[in-house]
């Protein structure tokens, strides 16, 4: 699990620091309680899917741009 990715994507605006990659290195600076390690673990598959969708959209946009250039007789 990438804790930083989960926190960045699912706790927008929250303030925190992470020393290392483990939950024990999380220091929650925002008001209210920090999310539990289990809450972050539960969100990780959702974040992985978001990352995959974004990567596919980027690849699709590039392929579309290349196809349009080729249709105009241009090259990348």
C-alpha atoms as a PDB file:
ATOM      1  CA  UNK A   1       0.000   0.000   0.000  1.00  0.00           C
ATOM      2  CA  UNK A   2       1.237   3.485  -0.850  1.00  0.00           C
ATOM      3  CA  UNK A   3       0.082   5.488   2.163  1.00  0.00           C
ATOM      4  CA  UNK A   4       1.168   8.811   0.664  1.00  0.00           C
ATOM      5  CA  UNK A   5      -0.896   8.184  -2.487  1.00  0.00           C
ATOM      6  CA  UNK A   6      -3.989   7.302  -0.448  1.00  0.00           C
ATOM      7  CA  UNK A   7      -3.630  10.337   1.798  1.00  0.00           C
ATOM      8  CA  UNK A   8      -2.943  12.688  -1.114  1.00  0.00           C
ATOM      9  CA  UNK A   9      -5.908  11.478  -3.148  1.00  0.00           C
ATOM     10  CA  UNK A  10      -8.495  10.743  -0.472  1.00  0.00           C
ATOM     11  CA  UNK A  11      -7.692  13.296   2.213  1.00  0.00           C
ATOM     12  CA  UNK A  12      -7.343  16.398   0.066  1.00  0.00           C
ATOM     13  CA  UNK A  13      -6.469  19.420   2.154  1.00  0.00           C
ATOM     14  CA  UNK A  14      -5.394  17.366   5.155  1.00  0.00           C
ATOM     15  CA  UNK A  15      -2.019  18.117   6.645  1.00  0.00           C
ATOM     16  CA  UNK A  16       0.271  15.254   7.526  1.00  0.00           C
ATOM     17  CA  UNK A  17       3.847  14.037   7.327  1.00  0.00           C
ATOM     18  CA  UNK A  18       5.085  10.548   6.624  1.00  0.00           C
ATOM     19  CA  UNK A  19       8.479   9.367   7.790  1.00  0.00           C
ATOM     20  CA  UNK A  20       9.205   6.295   5.667  1.00  0.00           C
ATOM     21  CA  UNK A  21       6.572   4.093   4.089  1.00  0.00           C
ATOM     22  CA  UNK A  22       4.935   2.568   7.169  1.00  0.00           C
ATOM     23  CA  UNK A  23       1.815   3.734   8.964  1.00  0.00           C
ATOM     24  CA  UNK A  24       3.863   4.167  12.122  1.00  0.00           C
ATOM     25  CA  UNK A  25       5.672   7.036  10.391  1.00  0.00           C
ATOM     26  CA  UNK A  26       2.438   8.990   9.861  1.00  0.00           C
ATOM     27  CA  UNK A  27       2.070  12.201  11.824  1.00  0.00           C
ATOM     28  CA  UNK A  28      -1.415  13.679  11.449  1.00  0.00           C
ATOM     29  CA  UNK A  29      -1.342  17.467  11.637  1.00  0.00           C
ATOM     30  CA  UNK A  30      -4.941  18.256  10.689  1.00  0.00           C
ATOM     31  CA  UNK A  31      -7.826  18.664  13.095  1.00  0.00           C
ATOM     32  CA  UNK A  32      -9.715  15.511  13.850  1.00  0.00           C
ATOM     33  CA  UNK A  33      -8.491  11.966  14.118  1.00  0.00           C
ATOM     34  CA  UNK A  34      -6.064  10.436  11.654  1.00  0.00           C
ATOM     35  CA  UNK A  35      -7.430   7.676   9.449  1.00  0.00           C
ATOM     36  CA  UNK A  36      -6.653   4.224  10.754  1.00  0.00           C
ATOM     37  CA  UNK A  37      -4.279   1.913   8.964  1.00  0.00           C
ATOM     38  CA  UNK A  38      -7.284  -0.256   8.054  1.00  0.00           C
ATOM     39  CA  UNK A  39      -9.143   2.720   6.553  1.00  0.00           C
ATOM     40  CA  UNK A  40      -6.127   3.489   4.391  1.00  0.00           C
ATOM     41  CA  UNK A  41      -5.811  -0.180   3.401  1.00  0.00           C
ATOM     42  CA  UNK A  42      -9.491  -0.229   2.420  1.00  0.00           C
ATOM     43  CA  UNK A  43      -8.990   2.821   0.188  1.00  0.00           C
ATOM     44  CA  UNK A  44      -5.853   1.474  -1.507  1.00  0.00           C
ATOM     45  CA  UNK A  45      -7.692  -0.615  -4.173  1.00  0.00           C
ATOM     46  CA  UNK A  46      -9.785   2.444  -5.055  1.00  0.00           C
ATOM     47  CA  UNK A  47      -6.643   4.560  -5.426  1.00  0.00           C
ATOM     48  CA  UNK A  48      -4.974   1.843  -7.535  1.00  0.00           C
ATOM     49  CA  UNK A  49      -7.987   1.867  -9.866  1.00  0.00           C
ATOM     50  CA  UNK A  50      -7.867   5.668 -10.125  1.00  0.00           C
ATOM     51  CA  UNK A  51      -4.177   5.501 -11.037  1.00  0.00           C
ATOM     52  CA  UNK A  52      -4.840   2.832 -13.670  1.00  0.00           C
ATOM     53  CA  UNK A  53      -7.710   4.822 -15.192  1.00  0.00           C
ATOM     54  CA  UNK A  54      -5.568   7.966 -15.338  1.00  0.00           C
ATOM     55  CA  UNK A  55      -2.711   6.067 -16.994  1.00  0.00           C
ATOM     56  CA  UNK A  56      -5.075   4.561 -19.566  1.00  0.00           C
ATOM     57  CA  UNK A  57      -6.639   7.956 -20.307  1.00  0.00           C
ATOM     58  CA  UNK A  58      -3.182   9.419 -20.854  1.00  0.00           C
ATOM     59  CA  UNK A  59      -2.238   6.557 -23.194  1.00  0.00           C
ATOM     60  CA  UNK A  60      -5.536   6.917 -25.079  1.00  0.00           C
ATOM     61  CA  UNK A  61      -5.053  10.680 -25.482  1.00  0.00           C
ATOM     62  CA  UNK A  62      -1.542  10.151 -26.838  1.00  0.00           C
ATOM     63  CA  UNK A  63      -2.725   7.477 -29.264  1.00  0.00           C
ATOM     64  CA  UNK A  64      -5.503   9.778 -30.441  1.00  0.00           C
ATOM     65  CA  UNK A  65      -3.083  12.645 -30.992  1.00  0.00           C
ATOM     66  CA  UNK A  66      -0.710  10.406 -32.941  1.00  0.00           C
ATOM     67  CA  UNK A  67      -3.575   9.124 -35.082  1.00  0.00           C
ATOM     68  CA  UNK A  68      -4.689  12.681 -35.861  1.00  0.00           C
ATOM     69  CA  UNK A  69      -1.157  13.667 -36.854  1.00  0.00           C
ATOM     70  CA  UNK A  70      -0.837  10.611 -39.078  1.00  0.00           C
ATOM     71  CA  UNK A  71      -4.207  11.389 -40.688  1.00  0.00           C
ATOM     72  CA  UNK A  72      -2.792  14.790 -41.618  1.00  0.00           C
ATOM     73  CA  UNK A  73       0.311  13.163 -43.056  1.00  0.00           C
ATOM     74  CA  UNK A  74       2.495  14.320 -40.213  1.00  0.00           C
ATOM     75  CA  UNK A  75       4.720  12.320 -37.909  1.00  0.00           C
ATOM     76  CA  UNK A  76       5.301  12.497 -34.221  1.00  0.00           C
END
